[in-house]
């Protein structure tokens, strides 16, 4: 099982030197990958009365593709979007951006995608919110074709490309697509289409139930459920022994990857985040 980190989007600040210091520190500690969350815009609670989302207009989010282009020149970490909200974006543009990151990382890239939850963001980007699940599935098909075929002609219900293609192509053909989500339709989509998935729960009965749905859907699509990766997530709360136990639980549950999230633990500086990760690495080497 490969152990990586969740990039502390909401707490790292906006200074370039801080971004570099964090990524280089994570790399030096031996972690396998860096996973970044995504939001393009946040909602203003003063305008959207009753807003109860986990993020708002004041929450910082670095744009993952641009960020990864910068980090690829600095570190050898695998870079992971966890997740890009795919249906609010143009599919061909995402294919192009992902291909560029894949080239810059020399094939150390996973594209995690999902449908998101923020209708305000969809409106701002000019995309429909109501049918985002159906559109994502079609987008996944088109992405894989754009990454593996020189010229693509595709006409679906939502997407259309006529005799067009990417150049340069990515190193990975296709780039692995991992899916996020926490509903039965999402789990069935993962079984049909995903190279891997990001559970939104911890090991236990809910995870077991989700895995059963994914496996059933995979077999119905003629796929081997064992070939679908799984990336768990654990959060640092100051007790490294407890954190190691929870990482081990993910390994016993069959996870291929796990990411350590240091946000929300009262860590005030980049060095605070790195010290927490160093404490973990000393107790349980991530390599």
Protein backbone atom coordinates (compact mmCIF):
# COMPACT_ATOMS: atom_id res chain seq x y z
CA UNK A 1 0.00 0.00 0.00
CA UNK A 2 1.33 3.41 -1.02
CA UNK A 3 1.05 6.21 1.55
CA UNK A 4 0.71 9.80 0.36
CA UNK A 5 -0.53 13.14 1.62
CA UNK A 6 -3.48 15.44 1.08
CA UNK A 7 -2.22 18.85 -0.06
CA UNK A 8 -3.44 21.30 2.62
CA UNK A 9 -5.35 23.49 0.18
CA UNK A 10 -7.32 25.49 2.71
CA UNK A 11 -4.41 26.20 5.08
CA UNK A 12 -1.20 26.48 3.05
CA UNK A 13 -1.69 30.09 1.94
CA UNK A 14 -0.83 31.70 -1.37
CA UNK A 15 2.94 32.18 -1.26
CA UNK A 16 4.89 30.27 -3.90
CA UNK A 17 7.77 29.54 -1.53
CA UNK A 18 5.37 27.84 0.88
CA UNK A 19 4.03 25.59 -1.87
CA UNK A 20 7.54 24.60 -2.85
CA UNK A 21 8.69 24.06 0.73
CA UNK A 22 5.73 21.80 1.45
CA UNK A 23 6.08 19.66 -1.68
CA UNK A 24 9.83 19.26 -1.32
CA UNK A 25 9.41 18.39 2.36
CA UNK A 26 6.83 15.71 1.58
CA UNK A 27 9.09 14.28 -1.12
CA UNK A 28 12.10 14.19 1.21
CA UNK A 29 10.06 12.35 3.86
CA UNK A 30 9.44 9.54 1.37
CA UNK A 31 5.72 9.84 0.78
CA UNK A 32 4.51 8.32 -2.47
CA UNK A 33 2.03 10.87 -3.74
CA UNK A 34 0.36 14.23 -3.24
CA UNK A 35 -3.41 14.48 -3.63
CA UNK A 36 -5.15 17.83 -4.17
CA UNK A 37 -8.81 18.74 -3.73
CA UNK A 38 -10.49 21.06 -6.24
CA UNK A 39 -12.89 23.99 -6.27
CA UNK A 40 -12.88 26.81 -8.81
CA UNK A 41 -15.12 29.29 -6.99
CA UNK A 42 -16.73 29.45 -3.57
CA UNK A 43 -20.20 30.65 -2.69
CA UNK A 44 -20.72 33.88 -0.74
CA UNK A 45 -22.92 33.08 2.30
CA UNK A 46 -24.07 36.71 2.38
CA UNK A 47 -25.71 36.16 -1.01
CA UNK A 48 -26.67 32.50 -0.67
CA UNK A 49 -28.70 32.64 2.53
CA UNK A 50 -28.58 29.44 4.58
CA UNK A 51 -25.39 28.28 2.90
CA UNK A 52 -24.13 25.17 4.73
CA UNK A 53 -21.38 23.88 2.41
CA UNK A 54 -18.00 22.94 3.91
CA UNK A 55 -16.29 25.71 1.89
CA UNK A 56 -17.24 29.24 0.89
CA UNK A 57 -15.91 32.28 -0.96
CA UNK A 58 -13.18 32.77 1.65
CA UNK A 59 -11.72 29.23 1.40
CA UNK A 60 -8.48 28.99 -0.57
CA UNK A 61 -8.05 26.45 -3.36
CA UNK A 62 -5.05 26.35 -5.70
CA UNK A 63 -5.99 25.18 -9.20
CA UNK A 64 -4.69 21.59 -9.42
CA UNK A 65 -3.50 21.43 -13.04
CA UNK A 66 -1.51 24.67 -12.81
CA UNK A 67 -0.21 23.70 -9.37
CA UNK A 68 0.90 20.30 -10.65
CA UNK A 69 2.71 21.86 -13.60
CA UNK A 70 4.76 23.81 -11.07
CA UNK A 71 5.33 20.92 -8.67
CA UNK A 72 6.33 18.51 -11.44
CA UNK A 73 9.53 20.53 -11.92
CA UNK A 74 10.37 20.26 -8.21
CA UNK A 75 9.53 16.78 -6.95
CA UNK A 76 9.19 13.18 -8.09
CA UNK A 77 5.93 12.56 -6.25
CA UNK A 78 2.98 11.00 -8.03
CA UNK A 79 0.40 13.78 -8.36
CA UNK A 80 -3.29 13.02 -7.93
CA UNK A 81 -6.46 15.07 -8.32
CA UNK A 82 -8.84 13.97 -5.63
CA UNK A 83 -11.12 15.04 -7.21
CA UNK A 84 -11.52 17.30 -10.24
CA UNK A 85 -15.22 18.14 -10.69
CA UNK A 86 -15.41 16.92 -14.26
CA UNK A 87 -18.95 17.78 -15.48
CA UNK A 88 -18.44 21.49 -14.82
CA UNK A 89 -15.48 21.50 -17.25
CA UNK A 90 -14.94 21.11 -20.98
CA UNK A 91 -13.89 17.51 -21.56
CA UNK A 92 -11.36 18.12 -24.31
CA UNK A 93 -9.68 20.85 -22.26
CA UNK A 94 -9.40 18.54 -19.24
CA UNK A 95 -7.92 15.88 -21.53
CA UNK A 96 -5.32 18.38 -22.74
CA UNK A 97 -4.45 19.64 -19.25
CA UNK A 98 -4.20 16.11 -17.85
CA UNK A 99 -2.01 14.99 -20.74
CA UNK A 100 0.38 17.88 -20.07
CA UNK A 101 0.63 17.05 -16.37
CA UNK A 102 1.22 13.41 -17.24
CA UNK A 103 4.09 14.38 -19.52
CA UNK A 104 5.62 16.76 -16.98
CA UNK A 105 5.47 14.12 -14.23
CA UNK A 106 6.80 11.44 -16.61
CA UNK A 107 3.69 9.35 -16.13
CA UNK A 108 3.33 9.80 -12.37
CA UNK A 109 -0.22 11.14 -12.46
CA UNK A 110 -3.70 9.91 -11.62
CA UNK A 111 -6.80 11.86 -12.61
CA UNK A 112 -9.43 11.62 -9.91
CA UNK A 113 -12.83 12.94 -11.00
CA UNK A 114 -16.31 13.27 -9.56
CA UNK A 115 -19.59 15.11 -9.97
CA UNK A 116 -19.29 17.55 -7.03
CA UNK A 117 -22.04 19.05 -4.90
CA UNK A 118 -21.90 22.82 -5.44
CA UNK A 119 -24.58 24.13 -7.79
CA UNK A 120 -23.24 27.69 -7.39
CA UNK A 121 -19.96 26.59 -8.94
CA UNK A 122 -21.69 24.86 -11.86
CA UNK A 123 -23.64 28.03 -12.62
CA UNK A 124 -20.47 30.13 -12.58
CA UNK A 125 -18.82 27.77 -15.07
CA UNK A 126 -21.85 27.62 -17.36
CA UNK A 127 -22.63 23.92 -16.92
CA UNK A 128 -25.80 22.07 -15.91
CA UNK A 129 -25.99 20.61 -12.39
CA UNK A 130 -28.98 18.31 -12.75
CA UNK A 131 -27.55 15.73 -15.16
CA UNK A 132 -23.93 15.77 -14.04
CA UNK A 133 -23.74 12.04 -13.29
CA UNK A 134 -24.80 10.97 -16.77
CA UNK A 135 -22.46 13.51 -18.34
CA UNK A 136 -19.47 12.33 -16.30
CA UNK A 137 -19.79 8.78 -17.59
CA UNK A 138 -19.73 9.98 -21.18
CA UNK A 139 -16.80 12.26 -20.40
CA UNK A 140 -14.76 9.33 -19.09
CA UNK A 141 -15.25 7.51 -22.40
CA UNK A 142 -14.15 10.55 -24.38
CA UNK A 143 -11.13 11.24 -22.18
CA UNK A 144 -9.76 7.75 -22.70
CA UNK A 145 -10.21 7.99 -26.45
CA UNK A 146 -8.49 11.37 -26.62
CA UNK A 147 -5.51 9.94 -24.70
CA UNK A 148 -5.12 6.86 -26.89
CA UNK A 149 -6.22 7.79 -30.43
CA UNK A 150 -4.49 10.24 -32.78
CA UNK A 151 -7.78 11.47 -34.18
CA UNK A 152 -11.17 11.11 -32.53
CA UNK A 153 -14.69 11.32 -33.87
CA UNK A 154 -17.22 11.03 -31.08
CA UNK A 155 -20.89 11.96 -30.90
CA UNK A 156 -22.70 11.20 -27.68
CA UNK A 157 -25.70 12.67 -25.96
CA UNK A 158 -23.61 15.41 -24.35
CA UNK A 159 -20.21 15.44 -26.12
CA UNK A 160 -19.18 15.91 -29.73
CA UNK A 161 -15.72 15.79 -31.33
CA UNK A 162 -15.18 15.52 -35.08
CA UNK A 163 -11.82 14.42 -36.43
CA UNK A 164 -9.69 16.03 -33.71
CA UNK A 165 -6.96 14.92 -31.33
CA UNK A 166 -4.31 15.90 -28.82
CA UNK A 167 -0.64 16.51 -29.49
CA UNK A 168 1.50 15.75 -27.64
CA UNK A 169 -0.15 12.66 -26.23
CA UNK A 170 0.32 11.67 -22.58
CA UNK A 171 2.91 9.15 -21.52
CA UNK A 172 0.25 6.93 -19.93
CA UNK A 173 -2.23 5.84 -22.57
CA UNK A 174 -4.72 6.11 -21.04
CA UNK A 175 -4.10 8.09 -17.86
CA UNK A 176 -5.68 6.25 -14.90
CA UNK A 177 -9.09 7.63 -13.99
CA UNK A 178 -10.18 7.31 -10.37
CA UNK A 179 -13.70 8.18 -9.27
CA UNK A 180 -15.09 9.84 -6.17
CA UNK A 181 -18.64 9.61 -4.88
CA UNK A 182 -20.70 8.23 -2.02
CA UNK A 183 -23.97 6.93 -3.49
CA UNK A 184 -25.10 3.64 -4.99
CA UNK A 185 -25.16 5.09 -8.54
CA UNK A 186 -21.60 6.34 -7.99
CA UNK A 187 -20.46 2.92 -6.76
CA UNK A 188 -22.01 1.23 -9.79
CA UNK A 189 -20.27 3.75 -12.05
CA UNK A 190 -16.98 2.93 -10.33
CA UNK A 191 -17.46 -0.76 -10.99
CA UNK A 192 -18.19 -0.14 -14.65
CA UNK A 193 -15.61 2.52 -15.42
CA UNK A 194 -13.04 3.35 -12.75
CA UNK A 195 -9.39 2.38 -12.48
CA UNK A 196 -9.74 3.19 -8.78
CA UNK A 197 -11.96 4.96 -6.26
CA UNK A 198 -11.82 7.22 -3.20
CA UNK A 199 -14.03 5.99 -0.32
CA UNK A 200 -15.74 8.67 1.75
CA UNK A 201 -15.93 6.45 4.82
CA UNK A 202 -13.57 4.49 7.04
CA UNK A 203 -13.16 0.68 7.07
CA UNK A 204 -16.22 -1.05 8.43
CA UNK A 205 -19.71 -2.12 7.34
CA UNK A 206 -20.35 0.91 5.08
CA UNK A 207 -17.10 0.32 3.21
CA UNK A 208 -17.89 -3.37 2.88
CA UNK A 209 -21.31 -2.56 1.43
CA UNK A 210 -19.81 -0.12 -1.08
CA UNK A 211 -17.17 -2.65 -2.12
CA UNK A 212 -19.87 -5.25 -2.70
CA UNK A 213 -21.78 -2.92 -5.05
CA UNK A 214 -18.60 -1.99 -6.92
CA UNK A 215 -17.62 -5.64 -7.31
CA UNK A 216 -21.10 -6.63 -8.54
CA UNK A 217 -21.09 -3.80 -11.09
CA UNK A 218 -17.57 -4.65 -12.24
CA UNK A 219 -18.38 -8.30 -12.81
CA UNK A 220 -21.55 -7.36 -14.73
CA UNK A 221 -19.36 -5.21 -17.00
CA UNK A 222 -16.88 -8.05 -17.53
CA UNK A 223 -14.22 -6.48 -15.31
CA UNK A 224 -12.12 -7.91 -12.49
CA UNK A 225 -13.05 -6.12 -9.23
CA UNK A 226 -9.57 -6.83 -7.87
CA UNK A 227 -8.10 -4.60 -10.58
CA UNK A 228 -9.90 -1.51 -9.20
CA UNK A 229 -7.65 0.45 -6.84
CA UNK A 230 -8.86 1.97 -3.58
CA UNK A 231 -7.42 5.01 -1.81
CA UNK A 232 -8.40 5.53 1.80
CA UNK A 233 -7.92 8.74 3.75
CA UNK A 234 -6.94 9.35 7.37
CA UNK A 235 -6.75 12.64 9.25
CA UNK A 236 -4.01 13.77 11.60
CA UNK A 237 -5.36 14.76 15.02
CA UNK A 238 -2.15 14.76 17.07
CA UNK A 239 -1.98 11.06 18.03
CA UNK A 240 0.53 9.34 15.76
CA UNK A 241 -0.18 5.92 17.25
CA UNK A 242 -3.87 6.21 16.42
CA UNK A 243 -2.99 7.43 12.92
CA UNK A 244 -0.74 4.42 12.30
CA UNK A 245 -3.52 2.10 13.49
CA UNK A 246 -5.99 3.67 11.08
CA UNK A 247 -3.53 3.40 8.18
CA UNK A 248 -3.07 -0.29 9.03
CA UNK A 249 -6.85 -0.74 9.03
CA UNK A 250 -6.95 0.54 5.46
CA UNK A 251 -4.24 -1.90 4.45
CA UNK A 252 -6.20 -4.79 6.00
CA UNK A 253 -9.30 -3.57 4.14
CA UNK A 254 -7.47 -3.98 0.82
CA UNK A 255 -6.57 -0.37 0.03
CA UNK A 256 -3.88 0.09 -2.59
CA UNK A 257 -3.24 3.67 -1.46
CA UNK A 258 -3.96 5.89 1.53
CA UNK A 259 -3.56 9.65 1.95
CA UNK A 260 -2.88 11.53 5.17
CA UNK A 261 -4.86 14.75 5.66
CA UNK A 262 -3.34 17.32 8.05
CA UNK A 263 -5.99 20.01 7.54
CA UNK A 264 -8.39 20.86 10.35
CA UNK A 265 -5.93 19.92 13.10
CA UNK A 266 -4.95 23.43 14.17
CA UNK A 267 -1.62 23.38 12.33
CA UNK A 268 -0.77 27.00 11.59
CA UNK A 269 2.28 26.91 9.28
CA UNK A 270 3.72 24.83 6.48
CA UNK A 271 6.39 23.62 8.89
CA UNK A 272 3.68 22.52 11.33
CA UNK A 273 2.14 20.34 8.62
CA UNK A 274 5.54 18.91 7.72
CA UNK A 275 6.42 18.19 11.37
CA UNK A 276 3.22 16.18 11.75
CA UNK A 277 4.05 14.20 8.62
CA UNK A 278 7.64 13.72 9.79
CA UNK A 279 6.36 12.27 13.07
CA UNK A 280 4.25 9.79 11.11
CA UNK A 281 7.10 8.92 8.73
CA UNK A 282 9.40 8.20 11.67
CA UNK A 283 6.84 5.83 13.19
CA UNK A 284 5.64 4.23 9.96
CA UNK A 285 7.96 4.82 6.97
CA UNK A 286 5.71 5.54 3.98
CA UNK A 287 7.95 3.86 1.40
